[in-house]
Amino acid sequence: MNGCELSLAVSALACAIAKGKSSQQIALLAAFFTQLGDTLATIDLTNVLNAQQCSDSEASIK
């Protein structure tokens, strides 16, 4: 899936989720998914940094 296809799929999903919801419900869902994305990014970065630290530690031992 390329970037345009992913963007279209996300937009279609957002429209489907928003259908029939109030403005307040949509805002809450937006905040929820924003926090979810930010938390996933934090987890990924932490994993990358921890892996780099382990790699650096192993390299200094050798």
C-alpha atoms as a PDB file:
ATOM      1  CA  MET A   1       0.000   0.000   0.000  1.00  0.00           C
ATOM      2  CA  ASN A   2       1.507   3.344  -0.959  1.00  0.00           C
ATOM      3  CA  GLY A   3       1.095   6.644   0.878  1.00  0.00           C
ATOM      4  CA  CYS A   4      -1.863   7.836  -1.191  1.00  0.00           C
ATOM      5  CA  GLU A   5      -3.720   4.564  -0.738  1.00  0.00           C
ATOM      6  CA  LEU A   6      -3.100   4.632   2.998  1.00  0.00           C
ATOM      7  CA  SER A   7      -4.259   8.247   3.217  1.00  0.00           C
ATOM      8  CA  LEU A   8      -7.466   7.434   1.339  1.00  0.00           C
ATOM      9  CA  ALA A   9      -8.120   4.386   3.525  1.00  0.00           C
ATOM     10  CA  VAL A  10      -7.643   6.416   6.720  1.00  0.00           C
ATOM     11  CA  SER A  11      -9.946   9.154   5.416  1.00  0.00           C
ATOM     12  CA  ALA A  12     -12.626   6.624   4.512  1.00  0.00           C
ATOM     13  CA  LEU A  13     -12.328   5.033   7.952  1.00  0.00           C
ATOM     14  CA  ALA A  14     -12.607   8.439   9.652  1.00  0.00           C
ATOM     15  CA  CYS A  15     -15.764   9.211   7.668  1.00  0.00           C
ATOM     16  CA  ALA A  16     -17.283   5.852   8.599  1.00  0.00           C
ATOM     17  CA  ILE A  17     -16.442   6.299  12.287  1.00  0.00           C
ATOM     18  CA  ALA A  18     -17.811   9.875  12.346  1.00  0.00           C
ATOM     19  CA  LYS A  19     -21.094   8.989  10.655  1.00  0.00           C
ATOM     20  CA  GLY A  20     -23.995   9.582  13.025  1.00  0.00           C
ATOM     21  CA  LYS A  21     -21.796  10.935  15.844  1.00  0.00           C
ATOM     22  CA  SER A  22     -22.213  14.321  17.515  1.00  0.00           C
ATOM     23  CA  SER A  23     -19.514  16.975  17.344  1.00  0.00           C
ATOM     24  CA  GLN A  24     -18.544  16.199  20.943  1.00  0.00           C
ATOM     25  CA  GLN A  25     -18.286  12.476  20.221  1.00  0.00           C
ATOM     26  CA  ILE A  26     -16.103  13.127  17.165  1.00  0.00           C
ATOM     27  CA  ALA A  27     -13.856  15.441  19.184  1.00  0.00           C
ATOM     28  CA  LEU A  28     -13.477  12.787  21.897  1.00  0.00           C
ATOM     29  CA  LEU A  29     -12.635  10.114  19.317  1.00  0.00           C
ATOM     30  CA  ALA A  30     -10.093  12.459  17.704  1.00  0.00           C
ATOM     31  CA  ALA A  31      -8.434  13.070  21.071  1.00  0.00           C
ATOM     32  CA  PHE A  32      -8.441   9.343  21.826  1.00  0.00           C
ATOM     33  CA  PHE A  33      -6.802   8.381  18.528  1.00  0.00           C
ATOM     34  CA  THR A  34      -4.307  11.240  18.774  1.00  0.00           C
ATOM     35  CA  GLN A  35      -3.252  10.029  22.217  1.00  0.00           C
ATOM     36  CA  LEU A  36      -3.101   6.439  20.941  1.00  0.00           C
ATOM     37  CA  GLY A  37      -0.804   7.473  18.088  1.00  0.00           C
ATOM     38  CA  ASP A  38       1.409   9.558  20.349  1.00  0.00           C
ATOM     39  CA  THR A  39       1.696   6.717  22.854  1.00  0.00           C
ATOM     40  CA  LEU A  40       2.597   4.222  20.128  1.00  0.00           C
ATOM     41  CA  ALA A  41       5.278   6.623  18.860  1.00  0.00           C
ATOM     42  CA  THR A  42       6.649   6.972  22.407  1.00  0.00           C
ATOM     43  CA  ILE A  43       6.757   3.192  22.855  1.00  0.00           C
ATOM     44  CA  ASP A  44       8.527   2.738  19.523  1.00  0.00           C
ATOM     45  CA  LEU A  45      11.105   5.439  20.243  1.00  0.00           C
ATOM     46  CA  THR A  46      11.765   4.006  23.704  1.00  0.00           C
ATOM     47  CA  ASN A  47      12.303   0.548  22.184  1.00  0.00           C
ATOM     48  CA  VAL A  48      14.700   1.974  19.575  1.00  0.00           C
ATOM     49  CA  LEU A  49      16.675   3.935  22.165  1.00  0.00           C
ATOM     50  CA  ASN A  50      16.871   0.938  24.504  1.00  0.00           C
ATOM     51  CA  ALA A  51      18.091  -1.265  21.646  1.00  0.00           C
ATOM     52  CA  GLN A  52      20.739   1.323  20.776  1.00  0.00           C
ATOM     53  CA  GLN A  53      21.882   1.482  24.406  1.00  0.00           C
ATOM     54  CA  CYS A  54      22.199  -2.302  24.519  1.00  0.00           C
ATOM     55  CA  SER A  55      24.145  -2.236  21.249  1.00  0.00           C
ATOM     56  CA  ASP A  56      26.429   0.518  22.534  1.00  0.00           C
ATOM     57  CA  SER A  57      27.002  -1.371  25.801  1.00  0.00           C
ATOM     58  CA  GLU A  58      27.858  -4.596  23.978  1.00  0.00           C
ATOM     59  CA  ALA A  59      30.241  -2.745  21.648  1.00  0.00           C
ATOM     60  CA  SER A  60      32.098  -1.176  24.563  1.00  0.00           C
ATOM     61  CA  ILE A  61      32.498  -4.571  26.263  1.00  0.00           C
ATOM     62  CA  LYS A  62      34.160  -6.156  23.204  1.00  0.00           C
END
